[in-house]
Protein backbone atom coordinates (compact mmCIF):
# COMPACT_ATOMS: atom_id res chain seq x y z
CA MET A 1 -37.28 146.39 7.57
CA THR A 2 -35.92 143.95 5.44
CA THR A 3 -32.34 146.58 4.86
CA ARG A 4 -32.28 146.27 8.32
CA PHE A 5 -31.92 142.44 8.06
CA VAL A 6 -29.79 142.66 4.90
CA LEU A 7 -27.42 144.86 6.56
CA LEU A 8 -27.04 143.19 10.06
CA GLY A 9 -26.71 139.85 7.88
CA MET A 10 -23.71 141.51 5.83
CA LEU A 11 -22.09 142.44 9.04
CA ILE A 12 -22.37 138.90 10.81
CA ALA A 13 -21.23 137.05 7.86
CA ALA A 14 -18.19 139.27 6.89
CA PRO A 15 -16.07 138.00 10.23
CA LEU A 16 -17.54 134.59 9.39
CA SER A 17 -16.36 134.31 5.51
CA ALA A 18 -13.01 135.65 6.65
CA GLN A 19 -12.64 132.77 9.36
CA ARG A 20 -12.74 130.92 6.01
CA LEU A 21 -9.42 132.12 4.68
CA THR A 22 -5.77 130.48 5.44
CA LEU A 23 -2.67 132.11 4.41
CA GLY A 24 0.56 129.72 4.69
CA ALA A 25 3.94 130.27 4.08
CA ASN A 26 6.22 126.90 3.62
CA VAL A 27 10.07 126.16 3.42
CA GLY A 28 11.88 122.93 3.13
CA GLY A 29 13.14 120.95 0.38
CA SER A 30 13.30 119.75 -3.79
CA SER A 31 14.66 116.38 -5.09
CA ALA A 32 13.69 114.13 -8.30
CA ASN A 33 12.65 110.76 -7.93
CA ALA A 34 14.47 109.68 -11.29
CA ASP A 35 17.24 111.29 -13.07
CA LEU A 36 17.16 112.19 -16.87
CA GLY A 37 19.18 109.85 -18.31
CA THR A 38 22.00 107.64 -17.51
CA SER A 39 24.59 110.65 -17.72
CA ALA A 40 22.06 113.40 -16.26
CA ALA A 41 21.46 113.14 -12.14
CA TRP A 42 19.21 115.31 -10.05
CA LYS A 43 20.77 116.87 -6.64
CA SER A 44 18.34 117.30 -3.86
CA GLY A 45 18.09 121.09 -3.33
CA TRP A 46 15.75 123.65 -1.50
CA SER A 47 11.82 124.69 -1.75
CA ALA A 48 9.67 127.96 -0.72
CA GLY A 49 6.21 128.36 -1.23
CA ALA A 50 3.21 130.40 -0.17
CA ASN A 51 -0.62 129.74 -0.54
CA LEU A 52 -4.22 131.07 0.10
CA THR A 53 -6.73 128.56 1.26
CA TYR A 54 -10.76 129.08 0.93
CA ARG A 55 -12.63 126.67 3.31
CA LEU A 56 -16.15 125.82 1.53
CA THR A 57 -16.64 123.59 4.43
CA SER A 58 -15.01 122.40 7.74
CA ARG A 59 -13.37 119.37 5.57
CA VAL A 60 -13.21 120.85 2.20
CA GLY A 61 -11.46 123.71 0.68
CA PHE A 62 -9.60 125.43 -2.17
CA ARG A 63 -5.63 126.27 -2.11
CA ALA A 64 -3.73 128.19 -4.26
CA ASP A 65 -0.22 127.76 -4.27
CA ALA A 66 3.19 129.05 -5.23
CA ASN A 67 6.32 127.76 -5.03
CA LEU A 68 10.09 127.91 -5.90
CA ALA A 69 12.14 125.09 -6.09
CA GLN A 70 16.19 124.79 -7.39
CA ASN A 71 18.23 121.54 -7.97
CA ASP A 72 21.17 121.07 -9.48
CA LEU A 73 21.94 118.82 -12.32
CA ALA A 74 24.94 116.71 -12.41
CA GLY A 75 27.19 115.36 -15.31
CA ALA A 76 24.47 116.53 -18.31
CA ALA A 77 27.18 117.92 -20.80
CA GLN A 78 24.25 118.70 -23.50
CA VAL A 79 22.91 121.26 -20.48
CA PRO A 80 23.95 124.98 -20.95
CA GLY A 81 24.94 126.84 -18.30
CA GLU A 82 25.29 126.25 -14.33
CA ARG A 83 22.96 123.34 -14.75
CA ARG A 84 20.86 125.06 -12.02
CA PHE A 85 17.57 125.14 -12.24
CA ASN A 86 14.71 127.34 -11.04
CA LYS A 87 11.25 125.53 -10.68
CA ALA A 88 8.39 127.99 -10.22
CA ALA A 89 5.15 126.17 -9.94
CA PHE A 90 1.90 127.99 -10.07
CA MET A 91 -0.93 125.37 -8.73
CA ALA A 92 -5.06 125.50 -7.68
CA ASP A 93 -5.79 122.59 -5.60
CA GLY A 94 -8.58 120.84 -3.90
CA VAL A 95 -7.95 120.24 -0.20
CA LEU A 96 -9.73 117.35 1.93
CA GLN A 97 -8.90 117.73 5.49
CA ARG A 98 -10.44 116.03 8.66
CA GLU A 99 -13.53 117.74 10.26
CA GLU A 100 -12.23 121.12 11.93
CA LEU A 101 -14.26 120.92 15.52
CA PRO A 102 -14.14 123.11 18.59
CA GLY A 103 -10.89 121.65 20.49
CA THR A 104 -9.86 119.40 17.46
CA LYS A 105 -5.83 120.25 16.82
CA LEU A 106 -4.27 117.87 14.90
CA LEU A 107 -5.84 118.60 10.98
CA PRO A 108 -4.69 116.08 8.53
CA TYR A 109 -5.08 116.61 4.80
CA VAL A 110 -4.88 115.38 1.45
CA LEU A 111 -4.51 117.69 -1.66
CA ALA A 112 -4.42 117.62 -5.54
CA GLY A 113 -4.36 120.06 -8.16
CA VAL A 114 -3.40 121.61 -11.34
CA GLY A 115 -1.31 124.49 -13.02
CA ALA A 116 1.84 124.80 -14.69
CA VAL A 117 5.90 124.98 -13.79
CA GLN A 118 8.20 127.24 -15.41
CA VAL A 119 11.84 125.82 -15.66
CA HIS A 120 14.43 128.35 -15.86
CA ASP A 121 18.23 127.06 -16.44
CA LYS A 122 19.97 129.83 -14.21
CA GLY A 123 23.33 129.79 -16.14
CA SER A 124 21.17 130.79 -19.41
CA ASP A 125 18.33 132.61 -20.74
CA SER A 126 16.43 129.07 -21.27
CA SER A 127 13.11 128.66 -19.87
CA PHE A 128 9.87 126.63 -20.65
CA THR A 129 6.34 126.43 -18.72
CA ARG A 130 4.68 123.22 -18.93
CA PHE A 131 1.13 122.31 -17.48
CA ALA A 132 1.90 120.25 -14.31
CA GLY A 133 -0.01 118.10 -11.50
CA ASN A 134 0.28 118.02 -8.07
CA VAL A 135 -0.74 115.28 -5.17
CA GLY A 136 0.26 115.59 -1.73
CA VAL A 137 -0.52 114.76 1.95
CA GLY A 138 0.42 116.63 4.86
CA VAL A 139 -0.62 117.77 8.96
CA GLY A 140 -1.80 120.79 10.29
CA TYR A 141 -1.47 121.99 13.85
CA LYS A 142 -3.62 124.36 15.42
CA LEU A 143 -2.72 126.87 17.89
CA GLY A 144 -5.60 129.39 17.97
CA ARG A 145 -5.42 131.48 14.65
CA ILE A 146 -1.87 130.42 14.19
CA GLY A 147 -0.65 126.89 13.18
CA LEU A 148 2.22 124.89 12.10
CA ARG A 149 2.13 122.73 9.26
CA ALA A 150 4.16 119.77 7.57
CA GLU A 151 3.60 118.06 3.93
CA GLY A 152 5.14 116.03 1.27
CA ARG A 153 4.07 116.78 -2.62
CA SER A 154 4.59 115.36 -6.01
CA LEU A 155 4.69 117.59 -8.88
CA LEU A 156 4.43 116.23 -12.25
CA TYR A 157 5.45 117.64 -15.45
CA LYS A 158 7.29 117.13 -18.68
CA PHE A 159 10.74 118.13 -19.06
CA ASP A 160 11.54 117.91 -22.80
CA ARG A 161 14.74 120.21 -23.61
CA PHE A 162 18.22 119.72 -23.98
CA GLY A 163 17.78 116.25 -25.45
CA TYR A 164 15.66 114.68 -22.73
CA SER A 165 11.78 113.82 -22.98
CA LYS A 166 11.14 112.83 -19.37
CA THR A 167 7.96 112.84 -17.31
CA GLN A 168 9.56 115.04 -14.25
CA ASN A 169 8.63 113.80 -10.90
CA ASP A 170 9.71 116.53 -8.14
CA LEU A 171 9.26 115.73 -4.61
CA LEU A 172 8.81 118.69 -2.48
CA TRP A 173 8.58 118.63 1.30
CA GLN A 174 7.75 121.43 3.56
CA ALA A 175 7.27 122.54 6.94
CA GLY A 176 5.77 126.08 7.75
CA LEU A 177 3.34 128.67 9.22
CA THR A 178 -0.33 129.43 8.84
CA VAL A 179 -2.41 132.15 10.01
CA LYS A 180 -6.22 132.24 9.75
CA MET A 181 -7.40 135.57 8.45
């Protein structure tokens, strides 16, 4: 008898736990809020990312993010290569959102997390990886299992190459789709 209840519980719990997973894909822009130096200015670029969120409750969740951004650097004579940088960030975030009740369509949220960013100069074989922090705000709009999302995030890490030593703050603004699994 107990085995039947355990099996029945597993059959009921499996679809419910699947509802806690959300897959997202975003595209948008990337810019640095400050230049590396007086002769090195960042230009705005693009960004794209994918993420997976697991909901612990209707308000709290964990999110794994993978983002790729590209920015050009103008006027930096000591930087070799094209002065075009790919920045790959891998973050683990905590997410706090408005409670998801039946009929709720608009879901604002905040997120914060830690991870790493790898910065690669496309014109050379030079790259480095640094510890990074991440904070952001966003809003989602539910259309059933599919949703729309817009968010802005700040990616903080240390840029200490090519004679520079500065805490870098890359601003990522993105929009995309989400799918509840």
